[in-house]
Amino acid sequence: MQFLRVFIVLLLTLFSAPSIGLAAEGLSLSGGQQWLVFASRQDASEAVQLAEGFQGALQGTPYQDKMRVVRSENGWFGVVVGPVNFKNLQLARQQISIDLPEDAYLSHGRRYVETVWPAQNLHFGEFESQPRFSLELETLRIDAVLITEQTDPNDEFSKNSKVQVVGWTEQAKVFSFETEPSYFPQYGQSVEVIRLANETEFPQVVIKRFTGGAHCCVEQQIITQNRNGTWVMVQGAVLDGGYGYSFEDLDGDGTLELVSADNSFFYLFAPYARSFAPLYIEKLNYDKITDVNLEPAYQPAFRKELAYLEELADSEKALWGENGFLAGWAATRACLGDGMEAVVQATEKSRGDQEDFRKYACPDGSPSSKCDYENAVALPFPVGLTVHLIERGYLPVH
């Protein structure tokens, strides 16, 4: 054991990789906190209308400002109140001052990806049922158009599309941007206007495009202003799943963070279904997206995530020996300043390397991207995990 500790310390010294700008999600609750779900609807406007009605009925109660509409992974919209600390639905019915729907229930919100109401700081539109729409927030209005061209009428995959967004302040056009044309499914293409950076004069525009395919992916661009006030379109993360970033004020400073999961953990030490990607928090400053995972203000979010992971593993004991779980667990602990000890404990708990799911490096110790795949060396789990945590900035090298 002492040898392992010394070896990892040596790795921290030798493998020097810069900390790079890098879910889980602020809506996922653990412990005694849950969401009280009043209803679910497929249509967002219908869900908001219900929420406004329930909120009116709750006026004068502690819950009047806790009503919201959340979007779930399956595309439905939940009308929820919370977080609340009811142990069961019977207690909720006793303490809520209005009659709850018969199908109301309590949820930890594991599948909730984004709050869509109330949101004075976000306006959202999708292209699934309309080729164009306009959105307005603060003094910025945008016109969004989905432009589609099909070269072969008999070939669906020859249909390429691009999103064009034009921004206006009063009658003046201030920007016009287009995404690169490519094939995309008809669904999962959206534009939202949202305030992500308080230092810019105008809010931001986020374009999300679902690429289709199993476990994949949402391409994202953010239209924002740089320090000179010039409008630019910056590349956001390409993320697993169908929804991309969620936006949450995790540190309570009034500015929304870009919340996702660190996709580099998928398929790294386990198949996709047994990989656990740790919570990943970024912030937009003018036109720069930076990783804020190690900042103290976000430790409450990581403590909540860690509690959820350990609660899950305690209910499914086999996870404590699986490298896919242990890697995400160690990364989460690293964000709480306990990364070295977490790697040691993950090594103790691991049932050994899993064939075809290992971290690789070049023979000289550099990242595997620097050499041919055939020459790359498969690293044992404790070494591979340590190297990956260093490369991703979880274990800073001084």
Protein backbone atom coordinates (compact mmCIF):
# COMPACT_ATOMS: atom_id res chain seq x y z
CA MET A 1 0.00 0.00 0.00
CA GLN A 2 2.82 2.41 0.83
CA PHE A 3 4.35 1.60 -2.55
CA LEU A 4 1.10 2.52 -4.30
CA ARG A 5 0.94 5.87 -2.53
CA VAL A 6 4.54 6.65 -3.44
CA PHE A 7 3.96 5.55 -7.05
CA ILE A 8 0.95 7.83 -7.44
CA VAL A 9 2.88 10.75 -5.99
CA LEU A 10 5.57 10.07 -8.59
CA LEU A 11 2.94 10.07 -11.32
CA LEU A 12 1.68 13.44 -10.16
CA THR A 13 5.21 14.74 -10.51
CA LEU A 14 6.04 13.14 -13.84
CA PHE A 15 2.79 13.35 -15.80
CA SER A 16 2.44 17.07 -16.25
CA ALA A 17 -0.67 18.04 -18.21
CA PRO A 18 -2.19 21.51 -18.14
CA SER A 19 -5.53 22.02 -16.43
CA ILE A 20 -7.93 22.49 -19.29
CA GLY A 21 -11.32 24.13 -19.44
CA LEU A 22 -13.82 21.53 -19.06
CA ALA A 23 -23.62 16.73 -14.43
CA ALA A 24 -25.19 15.11 -13.02
CA GLU A 25 -27.09 18.21 -12.69
CA GLY A 26 -28.26 20.70 -10.09
CA LEU A 27 -31.83 19.33 -10.30
CA SER A 28 -30.78 15.87 -9.10
CA LEU A 29 -31.46 15.69 -5.36
CA SER A 30 -30.24 13.23 -2.74
CA GLY A 31 -30.81 12.45 0.91
CA GLY A 32 -34.12 13.71 2.29
CA GLN A 33 -34.68 16.32 -0.42
CA GLN A 34 -37.12 15.53 -3.24
CA TRP A 35 -39.37 17.18 -5.79
CA LEU A 36 -43.12 16.98 -5.30
CA VAL A 37 -44.44 16.31 -8.81
CA PHE A 38 -47.93 17.68 -9.45
CA ALA A 39 -48.22 16.67 -13.12
CA SER A 40 -46.35 15.89 -16.34
CA ARG A 41 -47.17 17.10 -19.82
CA GLN A 42 -45.65 16.62 -23.28
CA ASP A 43 -46.33 20.25 -24.20
CA ALA A 44 -44.24 22.90 -22.41
CA SER A 45 -46.85 25.66 -22.66
CA GLU A 46 -49.50 23.39 -21.15
CA ALA A 47 -47.16 22.52 -18.28
CA VAL A 48 -46.42 26.20 -17.65
CA GLN A 49 -50.14 27.00 -17.67
CA LEU A 50 -50.72 24.31 -15.04
CA ALA A 51 -47.79 25.57 -12.96
CA GLU A 52 -49.13 29.13 -12.99
CA GLY A 53 -52.49 27.82 -11.74
CA PHE A 54 -50.93 25.81 -8.94
CA GLN A 55 -48.70 28.73 -7.99
CA GLY A 56 -51.74 30.97 -7.68
CA ALA A 57 -53.42 28.43 -5.41
CA LEU A 58 -50.28 28.31 -3.23
CA GLN A 59 -50.13 32.09 -2.69
CA GLY A 60 -49.38 32.93 0.95
CA THR A 61 -47.79 29.52 1.64
CA PRO A 62 -44.08 28.61 1.96
CA TYR A 63 -44.35 26.84 -1.41
CA GLN A 64 -45.57 29.69 -3.62
CA ASP A 65 -42.03 30.48 -4.82
CA LYS A 66 -40.96 26.83 -5.13
CA MET A 67 -43.09 25.98 -8.14
CA ARG A 68 -41.28 25.28 -11.42
CA VAL A 69 -41.51 23.39 -14.70
CA VAL A 70 -38.62 21.06 -15.47
CA ARG A 71 -37.72 19.25 -18.66
CA SER A 72 -36.96 15.53 -18.34
CA GLU A 73 -34.66 13.34 -20.46
CA ASN A 74 -37.68 11.79 -22.18
CA GLY A 75 -38.84 15.20 -23.44
CA TRP A 76 -41.78 15.54 -21.02
CA PHE A 77 -42.23 18.59 -18.78
CA GLY A 78 -42.85 18.12 -15.07
CA VAL A 79 -44.77 20.57 -12.88
CA VAL A 80 -42.94 20.35 -9.56
CA VAL A 81 -42.56 22.02 -6.18
CA GLY A 82 -39.34 21.88 -4.25
CA PRO A 83 -36.94 20.97 -3.04
CA VAL A 84 -39.12 19.61 -0.20
CA ASN A 85 -38.32 17.29 2.71
CA PHE A 86 -41.48 15.17 2.93
CA LYS A 87 -40.72 11.58 3.87
CA ASN A 88 -43.70 10.28 1.93
CA LEU A 89 -46.61 11.46 -0.19
CA GLN A 90 -49.09 11.15 2.68
CA LEU A 91 -47.17 13.77 4.67
CA ALA A 92 -47.04 15.99 1.60
CA ARG A 93 -50.82 15.81 1.22
CA GLN A 94 -51.21 16.76 4.89
CA GLN A 95 -48.89 19.76 4.75
CA ILE A 96 -49.64 21.23 1.30
CA SER A 97 -52.59 23.60 1.61
CA ILE A 98 -54.27 22.52 -1.65
CA ASP A 99 -55.61 19.21 -2.88
CA LEU A 100 -52.85 17.37 -4.75
CA PRO A 101 -53.66 15.50 -7.97
CA GLU A 102 -54.33 11.79 -7.48
CA ASP A 103 -51.24 10.87 -9.50
CA ALA A 104 -48.85 13.25 -7.65
CA TYR A 105 -45.59 11.66 -6.48
CA LEU A 106 -42.16 12.40 -4.99
CA SER A 107 -39.01 12.24 -7.11
CA HIS A 108 -35.27 12.82 -6.68
CA GLY A 109 -35.20 14.28 -10.19
CA ARG A 110 -32.48 11.99 -11.57
CA ARG A 111 -33.84 12.47 -15.10
CA TYR A 112 -34.49 16.22 -14.89
CA VAL A 113 -32.19 18.17 -17.17
CA GLU A 114 -33.34 21.78 -17.11
CA THR A 115 -35.73 24.29 -15.55
CA VAL A 116 -37.83 25.92 -18.26
CA TRP A 117 -40.14 28.02 -16.02
CA PRO A 118 -40.05 30.43 -14.28
CA ALA A 119 -37.28 31.84 -16.42
CA GLN A 120 -37.16 35.55 -16.99
CA ASN A 121 -33.57 34.86 -18.09
CA LEU A 122 -34.35 32.18 -20.72
CA HIS A 123 -36.54 31.96 -23.82
CA PHE A 124 -36.57 28.68 -25.75
CA GLY A 125 -37.70 27.52 -29.20
CA GLU A 126 -37.55 24.23 -31.16
CA PHE A 127 -37.63 23.60 -34.91
CA GLU A 128 -39.49 20.29 -34.74
CA SER A 129 -42.88 21.83 -35.62
CA GLN A 130 -41.77 25.12 -37.18
CA PRO A 131 -38.94 26.13 -39.54
CA ARG A 132 -38.55 29.61 -38.06
CA PHE A 133 -39.35 31.55 -34.89
CA SER A 134 -38.41 34.70 -32.99
CA LEU A 135 -37.35 35.07 -29.36
CA GLU A 136 -36.75 38.14 -27.24
CA LEU A 137 -34.91 38.66 -23.96
CA GLU A 138 -33.98 41.96 -22.37
CA THR A 139 -33.30 44.26 -25.37
CA LEU A 140 -32.13 41.49 -27.73
CA ARG A 141 -34.47 39.93 -30.31
CA ILE A 142 -33.39 37.04 -32.49
CA ASP A 143 -34.85 35.47 -35.62
CA ALA A 144 -33.94 31.78 -35.94
CA VAL A 145 -34.38 29.82 -39.18
CA LEU A 146 -33.71 26.16 -40.00
CA ILE A 147 -32.49 26.04 -43.61
CA THR A 148 -32.64 22.61 -45.29
CA GLU A 149 -31.30 21.53 -48.67
CA GLN A 150 -31.71 18.03 -50.16
CA THR A 151 -29.52 17.12 -53.14
CA ASP A 152 -31.23 13.78 -53.88
CA PRO A 153 -35.01 13.59 -53.27
CA ASN A 154 -34.75 9.81 -52.95
CA ASP A 155 -32.01 9.91 -50.32
CA GLU A 156 -33.00 11.12 -46.87
CA PHE A 157 -29.35 11.35 -45.84
CA SER A 158 -28.61 13.86 -48.61
CA LYS A 159 -30.71 16.36 -46.67
CA ASN A 160 -28.35 18.84 -45.02
CA SER A 161 -29.51 21.58 -42.70
CA LYS A 162 -28.07 24.60 -40.93
CA VAL A 163 -29.35 27.04 -38.33
CA GLN A 164 -29.23 30.76 -39.09
CA VAL A 165 -29.64 33.22 -36.22
CA VAL A 166 -29.96 36.98 -36.75
CA GLY A 167 -29.86 39.33 -33.75
CA TRP A 168 -31.55 42.74 -33.45
CA THR A 169 -31.63 45.59 -30.96
CA GLU A 170 -34.60 47.78 -31.79
CA GLN A 171 -34.33 48.13 -35.60
CA ALA A 172 -30.57 47.57 -35.87
CA LYS A 173 -29.15 44.20 -36.95
CA VAL A 174 -26.23 43.44 -34.61
CA PHE A 175 -25.19 39.94 -35.78
CA SER A 176 -25.89 37.09 -38.18
CA PHE A 177 -24.44 33.59 -37.72
CA GLU A 178 -24.94 30.20 -39.35
CA THR A 179 -23.93 26.74 -38.23
CA GLU A 180 -22.04 24.41 -40.58
CA PRO A 181 -24.47 22.51 -42.84
CA SER A 182 -24.68 18.77 -42.21
CA TYR A 183 -27.18 15.95 -41.88
CA PHE A 184 -29.24 16.15 -38.68
CA PRO A 185 -32.49 14.44 -37.63
CA GLN A 186 -35.69 16.50 -37.85
CA TYR A 187 -36.00 16.56 -34.06
CA GLY A 188 -33.70 17.88 -31.34
CA GLN A 189 -32.77 21.20 -32.98
CA SER A 190 -33.29 24.21 -30.73
CA VAL A 191 -32.27 27.80 -29.99
CA GLU A 192 -32.49 29.56 -26.65
CA VAL A 193 -31.78 33.10 -25.52
CA ILE A 194 -30.39 33.12 -22.00
CA ARG A 195 -28.29 35.29 -19.73
CA LEU A 196 -25.10 33.31 -19.05
CA ALA A 197 -22.57 36.12 -18.62
CA ASN A 198 -23.46 39.15 -16.50
CA GLU A 199 -20.51 41.14 -17.83
CA THR A 200 -21.84 41.37 -21.42
CA GLU A 201 -24.25 44.09 -22.53
CA PHE A 202 -26.67 41.59 -24.07
CA PRO A 203 -27.68 38.01 -23.20
CA GLN A 204 -26.38 34.94 -25.03
CA VAL A 205 -27.87 32.68 -27.71
CA VAL A 206 -27.36 28.91 -27.43
CA ILE A 207 -27.84 26.66 -30.47
CA LYS A 208 -28.28 22.94 -29.76
CA ARG A 209 -28.35 20.30 -32.50
CA PHE A 210 -28.91 16.60 -31.86
CA THR A 211 -26.78 14.48 -34.22
CA GLY A 212 -28.75 11.26 -33.77
CA GLY A 213 -27.27 7.85 -33.09
CA ALA A 214 -26.97 5.69 -29.99
CA HIS A 215 -25.54 7.55 -26.98
CA CYS A 216 -24.88 10.61 -29.10
CA CYS A 217 -24.75 13.66 -29.23
CA VAL A 218 -25.64 17.33 -29.00
CA GLU A 219 -23.48 19.88 -30.79
CA GLN A 220 -23.64 23.33 -29.20
CA GLN A 221 -22.66 26.85 -30.21
CA ILE A 222 -22.95 29.97 -28.07
CA ILE A 223 -23.37 33.43 -29.60
CA THR A 224 -21.98 36.02 -27.20
CA GLN A 225 -19.89 39.20 -26.98
CA ASN A 226 -16.15 39.33 -26.39
CA ARG A 227 -14.41 41.90 -24.21
CA ASN A 228 -14.50 44.43 -27.05
CA GLY A 229 -18.26 44.07 -27.41
CA THR A 230 -17.91 42.25 -30.74
CA TRP A 231 -20.36 39.40 -31.36
CA VAL A 232 -18.76 35.97 -31.83
CA MET A 233 -19.98 32.39 -32.02
CA VAL A 234 -17.98 30.00 -29.82
CA GLN A 235 -17.98 26.21 -29.85
CA GLY A 236 -19.54 24.59 -26.81
CA ALA A 237 -19.10 21.00 -25.73
CA VAL A 238 -20.33 18.08 -27.84
CA LEU A 239 -22.23 16.09 -25.22
CA ASP A 240 -23.71 12.64 -24.93
CA GLY A 241 -27.49 12.37 -24.90
CA GLY A 242 -30.18 14.57 -26.38
CA TYR A 243 -30.20 17.78 -24.36
CA GLY A 244 -26.72 19.25 -24.00
CA TYR A 245 -25.93 21.71 -21.25
CA SER A 246 -28.35 22.40 -18.46
CA PHE A 247 -28.16 25.82 -16.87
CA GLU A 248 -28.22 26.19 -13.09
CA ASP A 249 -27.03 28.79 -10.59
CA LEU A 250 -25.13 26.29 -8.46
CA ASP A 251 -23.16 28.78 -6.37
CA GLY A 252 -26.01 31.22 -5.77
CA ASP A 253 -24.23 34.24 -7.29
CA GLY A 254 -27.02 35.07 -9.72
CA THR A 255 -25.15 33.76 -12.79
CA LEU A 256 -25.98 30.47 -14.47
CA GLU A 257 -23.35 27.76 -14.86
CA LEU A 258 -23.09 25.35 -17.80
CA VAL A 259 -23.74 21.98 -16.19
CA SER A 260 -23.09 18.60 -17.78
CA ALA A 261 -21.18 15.38 -17.19
CA ASP A 262 -17.53 14.76 -18.10
CA ASN A 263 -18.04 12.65 -21.22
CA SER A 264 -14.37 11.57 -21.25
CA PHE A 265 -15.30 8.89 -18.69
CA PHE A 266 -17.71 7.09 -21.03
CA TYR A 267 -16.21 3.84 -22.34
CA LEU A 268 -12.92 4.61 -20.60
CA PHE A 269 -12.91 1.97 -17.85
CA ALA A 270 -16.21 0.23 -18.60
CA PRO A 271 -18.92 -0.11 -21.26
CA TYR A 272 -21.23 2.87 -21.63
CA ALA A 273 -23.99 1.46 -19.44
CA ARG A 274 -21.58 0.90 -16.53
CA SER A 275 -19.66 4.19 -16.91
CA PHE A 276 -20.29 6.99 -14.43
CA ALA A 277 -19.39 10.41 -15.78
CA PRO A 278 -18.81 12.90 -12.96
CA LEU A 279 -20.53 16.23 -12.57
CA TYR A 280 -18.88 18.83 -14.77
CA ILE A 281 -19.33 22.57 -14.22
CA GLU A 282 -18.25 25.34 -16.57
CA LYS A 283 -18.81 29.08 -16.66
CA LEU A 284 -18.95 31.57 -19.52
CA ASN A 285 -16.93 34.77 -19.16
CA TYR A 286 -17.46 36.97 -22.22
CA ASP A 287 -16.49 34.46 -24.96
CA LYS A 288 -14.40 32.04 -22.87
CA ILE A 289 -15.77 28.83 -21.38
CA THR A 290 -13.76 27.74 -18.33
CA ASP A 291 -13.86 24.80 -15.95
CA VAL A 292 -14.78 25.76 -12.37
CA ASN A 293 -14.97 22.26 -10.88
CA LEU A 294 -12.27 22.87 -8.27
CA GLU A 295 -13.55 26.22 -7.05
CA PRO A 296 -14.75 26.07 -3.41
CA ALA A 297 -18.13 27.63 -4.25
CA TYR A 298 -19.17 24.42 -6.01
CA GLN A 299 -18.28 21.97 -3.27
CA PRO A 300 -21.92 21.72 -2.06
CA ALA A 301 -22.92 20.51 -5.53
CA PHE A 302 -20.15 17.89 -5.53
CA ARG A 303 -20.98 16.79 -1.98
CA LYS A 304 -24.57 16.23 -3.10
CA GLU A 305 -23.34 14.28 -6.13
CA LEU A 306 -21.00 12.18 -3.98
CA ALA A 307 -23.84 11.38 -1.57
CA TYR A 308 -25.97 10.24 -4.51
CA LEU A 309 -23.21 8.00 -5.91
CA GLU A 310 -22.50 6.37 -2.56
CA GLU A 311 -26.21 5.90 -1.88
CA LEU A 312 -26.53 4.22 -5.27
CA ALA A 313 -23.54 1.95 -4.66
CA ASP A 314 -24.79 0.98 -1.21
CA SER A 315 -28.03 -0.17 -2.82
CA GLU A 316 -26.16 -1.99 -5.62
CA LYS A 317 -23.10 -3.42 -3.87
CA ALA A 318 -21.47 -4.69 -7.06
CA LEU A 319 -20.73 -1.10 -8.09
CA TRP A 320 -18.08 -0.80 -5.38
CA GLY A 321 -15.86 -3.16 -7.37
CA GLU A 322 -16.50 -1.78 -10.86
CA ASN A 323 -13.89 0.48 -12.43
CA GLY A 324 -16.46 2.52 -14.35
CA PHE A 325 -18.16 3.52 -11.11
CA LEU A 326 -14.97 3.92 -9.11
CA ALA A 327 -13.49 6.32 -11.68
CA GLY A 328 -16.48 8.69 -11.50
CA TRP A 329 -16.55 8.37 -7.71
CA ALA A 330 -12.84 9.23 -7.44
CA ALA A 331 -13.20 12.22 -9.79
CA THR A 332 -16.08 13.55 -7.69
CA ARG A 333 -14.01 13.22 -4.54
CA ALA A 334 -11.12 14.96 -6.29
CA CYS A 335 -13.36 18.01 -6.74
CA LEU A 336 -13.72 18.01 -2.96
CA GLY A 337 -9.95 17.97 -2.44
CA ASP A 338 -9.71 14.26 -1.67
CA GLY A 339 -8.50 12.92 -5.00
CA MET A 340 -5.30 11.16 -3.93
CA GLU A 341 -6.97 9.20 -1.16
CA ALA A 342 -9.88 8.41 -3.48
CA VAL A 343 -7.52 6.86 -6.06
CA VAL A 344 -5.93 4.70 -3.38
CA GLN A 345 -9.33 3.52 -2.12
CA ALA A 346 -10.62 2.96 -5.67
CA THR A 347 -7.57 0.74 -6.28
CA GLU A 348 -8.30 -1.27 -3.14
CA LYS A 349 -11.94 -1.75 -4.14
CA SER A 350 -11.35 -2.53 -7.83
CA ARG A 351 -11.79 -6.12 -9.00
CA GLY A 352 -9.02 -5.59 -11.55
CA ASP A 353 -8.62 -4.36 -15.10
CA GLN A 354 -11.45 -4.91 -17.55
CA GLU A 355 -10.33 -6.09 -20.96
CA ASP A 356 -10.83 -3.50 -23.74
CA PHE A 357 -11.61 -0.71 -21.23
CA ARG A 358 -8.32 0.78 -20.09
CA LYS A 359 -6.45 4.06 -20.32
CA TYR A 360 -3.63 4.14 -22.87
CA ALA A 361 -0.43 6.20 -23.03
CA CYS A 362 2.56 6.44 -25.35
CA PRO A 363 5.71 4.52 -24.34
CA ASP A 364 7.38 7.78 -23.29
CA GLY A 365 4.46 8.62 -20.96
CA SER A 366 2.81 11.24 -23.18
CA PRO A 367 -0.94 11.08 -23.97
CA SER A 368 -1.97 8.32 -26.39
CA SER A 369 -3.02 10.94 -28.96
CA LYS A 370 0.69 11.69 -29.46
CA CYS A 371 1.56 8.26 -30.91
CA ASP A 372 0.10 5.55 -33.12
CA TYR A 373 -2.58 3.43 -31.48
CA GLU A 374 -0.56 0.28 -32.15
CA ASN A 375 2.31 1.67 -30.08
CA ALA A 376 0.21 2.86 -27.14
CA VAL A 377 0.54 1.02 -23.83
CA ALA A 378 -2.46 -0.10 -21.75
CA LEU A 379 -2.12 1.21 -18.19
CA PRO A 380 -3.23 -0.68 -15.07
CA PHE A 381 -6.39 0.79 -13.56
CA PRO A 382 -4.77 2.79 -10.70
CA VAL A 383 -2.19 4.28 -13.06
CA GLY A 384 -4.70 4.95 -15.83
CA LEU A 385 -7.14 6.57 -13.41
CA THR A 386 -4.45 8.82 -11.94
CA VAL A 387 -3.20 9.87 -15.38
CA HIS A 388 -6.73 10.62 -16.56
CA LEU A 389 -7.51 12.70 -13.49
CA ILE A 390 -4.33 14.70 -14.07
CA GLU A 391 -5.04 15.21 -17.77
CA ARG A 392 -8.57 16.40 -17.06
CA GLY A 393 -7.52 18.79 -14.32
CA TYR A 394 -8.99 16.93 -11.33
CA LEU A 395 -5.53 16.47 -9.83
CA PRO A 396 -3.61 19.70 -10.55
CA VAL A 397 0.13 19.39 -11.02
CA HIS A 398 2.11 22.10 -9.25
